[in-house]
Amino acid sequence: MKVNERWKELKEESHANIQTKKEILNRWIQSIQTEGHSGNIKENENFRRFNYQSTEKVYKEFLLYAIGRNIDKYHRFLHEKIRK
């Protein structure tokens, strides 16, 4: 067993870094932006689960899903359902 003697010092430094006003604002903004997309995917599209389990297949499935969403968004933009 090995004990990191600087662990407490590094922990305090890390905690001080994330408690600055800038970092608190960044975390707040990031949480809003992420929830907007994932909430829309889950609630409006009923996308709750992936059909596959391997990382490679999940990546490909989500990539296809994202491409489809972008095509749909572009289609709505062309037909002016989305304002510029």
C-alpha atoms as a PDB file:
ATOM      1  CA  MET A   1       0.000   0.000   0.000  1.00  0.00           C
ATOM      2  CA  LYS A   2       1.303   3.415  -0.911  1.00  0.00           C
ATOM      3  CA  VAL A   3       0.197   6.686   0.668  1.00  0.00           C
ATOM      4  CA  ASN A   4       0.325   9.914  -1.293  1.00  0.00           C
ATOM      5  CA  GLU A   5       1.701  12.447   1.123  1.00  0.00           C
ATOM      6  CA  ARG A   6       0.599  15.409  -1.023  1.00  0.00           C
ATOM      7  CA  TRP A   7      -3.006  14.178  -1.275  1.00  0.00           C
ATOM      8  CA  LYS A   8      -4.454  16.602   1.282  1.00  0.00           C
ATOM      9  CA  GLU A   9      -2.573  19.537  -0.240  1.00  0.00           C
ATOM     10  CA  LEU A  10      -3.738  18.652  -3.770  1.00  0.00           C
ATOM     11  CA  LYS A  11      -7.309  18.148  -2.577  1.00  0.00           C
ATOM     12  CA  GLU A  12      -7.405  21.595  -0.978  1.00  0.00           C
ATOM     13  CA  GLU A  13      -5.878  23.191  -4.088  1.00  0.00           C
ATOM     14  CA  SER A  14      -8.428  21.487  -6.332  1.00  0.00           C
ATOM     15  CA  HIS A  15     -11.307  22.552  -4.090  1.00  0.00           C
ATOM     16  CA  ALA A  16     -10.060  26.159  -4.096  1.00  0.00           C
ATOM     17  CA  ASN A  17      -9.849  26.119  -7.909  1.00  0.00           C
ATOM     18  CA  ILE A  18     -13.453  24.999  -8.408  1.00  0.00           C
ATOM     19  CA  GLN A  19     -14.835  27.485  -5.878  1.00  0.00           C
ATOM     20  CA  THR A  20     -13.863  30.601  -7.849  1.00  0.00           C
ATOM     21  CA  LYS A  21     -16.742  32.664  -9.255  1.00  0.00           C
ATOM     22  CA  LYS A  22     -15.622  31.956 -12.816  1.00  0.00           C
ATOM     23  CA  GLU A  23     -15.680  28.166 -12.321  1.00  0.00           C
ATOM     24  CA  ILE A  24     -19.039  28.252 -10.533  1.00  0.00           C
ATOM     25  CA  LEU A  25     -20.509  30.206 -13.459  1.00  0.00           C
ATOM     26  CA  ASN A  26     -18.950  27.783 -15.982  1.00  0.00           C
ATOM     27  CA  ARG A  27     -20.468  24.763 -14.205  1.00  0.00           C
ATOM     28  CA  TRP A  28     -23.859  26.476 -14.039  1.00  0.00           C
ATOM     29  CA  ILE A  29     -23.851  27.357 -17.746  1.00  0.00           C
ATOM     30  CA  GLN A  30     -22.637  23.892 -18.727  1.00  0.00           C
ATOM     31  CA  SER A  31     -25.371  22.175 -16.741  1.00  0.00           C
ATOM     32  CA  ILE A  32     -28.056  24.241 -18.472  1.00  0.00           C
ATOM     33  CA  GLN A  33     -26.673  23.661 -21.958  1.00  0.00           C
ATOM     34  CA  THR A  34     -26.268  19.931 -21.500  1.00  0.00           C
ATOM     35  CA  GLU A  35     -29.713  19.417 -20.007  1.00  0.00           C
ATOM     36  CA  GLY A  36     -31.329  21.306 -22.856  1.00  0.00           C
ATOM     37  CA  HIS A  37     -30.149  18.815 -25.462  1.00  0.00           C
ATOM     38  CA  SER A  38     -30.369  15.645 -23.419  1.00  0.00           C
ATOM     39  CA  GLY A  39     -33.782  16.608 -22.033  1.00  0.00           C
ATOM     40  CA  ASN A  40     -35.067  17.261 -25.531  1.00  0.00           C
ATOM     41  CA  ILE A  41     -33.732  13.917 -26.755  1.00  0.00           C
ATOM     42  CA  LYS A  42     -35.265  12.016 -23.847  1.00  0.00           C
ATOM     43  CA  GLU A  43     -38.659  13.705 -23.638  1.00  0.00           C
ATOM     44  CA  ASN A  44     -39.500  14.798 -27.171  1.00  0.00           C
ATOM     45  CA  GLU A  45     -37.907  11.934 -29.073  1.00  0.00           C
ATOM     46  CA  ASN A  46     -38.463   9.145 -26.504  1.00  0.00           C
ATOM     47  CA  PHE A  47     -34.821   8.105 -26.814  1.00  0.00           C
ATOM     48  CA  ARG A  48     -34.259   6.350 -23.493  1.00  0.00           C
ATOM     49  CA  ARG A  49     -31.961   3.432 -24.261  1.00  0.00           C
ATOM     50  CA  PHE A  50     -29.369   2.295 -26.717  1.00  0.00           C
ATOM     51  CA  ASN A  51     -30.035  -0.927 -28.573  1.00  0.00           C
ATOM     52  CA  TYR A  52     -26.441  -2.145 -28.242  1.00  0.00           C
ATOM     53  CA  GLN A  53     -23.985  -2.494 -25.385  1.00  0.00           C
ATOM     54  CA  SER A  54     -20.489  -2.238 -26.832  1.00  0.00           C
ATOM     55  CA  THR A  55     -18.904   1.192 -26.799  1.00  0.00           C
ATOM     56  CA  GLU A  56     -18.268   1.136 -30.535  1.00  0.00           C
ATOM     57  CA  LYS A  57     -21.876   0.254 -31.396  1.00  0.00           C
ATOM     58  CA  VAL A  58     -23.310   2.807 -28.958  1.00  0.00           C
ATOM     59  CA  TYR A  59     -21.075   5.463 -30.517  1.00  0.00           C
ATOM     60  CA  LYS A  60     -22.275   4.552 -34.014  1.00  0.00           C
ATOM     61  CA  GLU A  61     -25.932   4.468 -32.932  1.00  0.00           C
ATOM     62  CA  PHE A  62     -25.716   7.887 -31.306  1.00  0.00           C
ATOM     63  CA  LEU A  63     -23.819   9.268 -34.311  1.00  0.00           C
ATOM     64  CA  LEU A  64     -26.628   8.134 -36.619  1.00  0.00           C
ATOM     65  CA  TYR A  65     -29.176   9.637 -34.256  1.00  0.00           C
ATOM     66  CA  ALA A  66     -27.294  12.963 -34.161  1.00  0.00           C
ATOM     67  CA  ILE A  67     -27.030  13.043 -37.962  1.00  0.00           C
ATOM     68  CA  GLY A  68     -30.780  12.460 -38.210  1.00  0.00           C
ATOM     69  CA  ARG A  69     -31.517  15.274 -35.763  1.00  0.00           C
ATOM     70  CA  ASN A  70     -29.246  17.649 -37.676  1.00  0.00           C
ATOM     71  CA  ILE A  71     -30.930  16.776 -40.971  1.00  0.00           C
ATOM     72  CA  ASP A  72     -34.336  17.400 -39.368  1.00  0.00           C
ATOM     73  CA  LYS A  73     -33.172  20.735 -37.964  1.00  0.00           C
ATOM     74  CA  TYR A  74     -31.736  21.762 -41.336  1.00  0.00           C
ATOM     75  CA  HIS A  75     -35.002  20.772 -43.062  1.00  0.00           C
ATOM     76  CA  ARG A  76     -37.029  22.896 -40.628  1.00  0.00           C
ATOM     77  CA  PHE A  77     -34.584  25.778 -41.153  1.00  0.00           C
ATOM     78  CA  LEU A  78     -35.002  25.589 -44.935  1.00  0.00           C
ATOM     79  CA  HIS A  79     -38.762  25.732 -44.586  1.00  0.00           C
ATOM     80  CA  GLU A  80     -38.453  28.709 -42.220  1.00  0.00           C
ATOM     81  CA  LYS A  81     -39.916  26.975 -39.197  1.00  0.00           C
ATOM     82  CA  ILE A  82     -36.774  28.085 -37.416  1.00  0.00           C
ATOM     83  CA  ARG A  83     -36.069  31.805 -37.388  1.00  0.00           C
ATOM     84  CA  LYS A  84     -32.563  32.999 -38.188  1.00  0.00           C
END
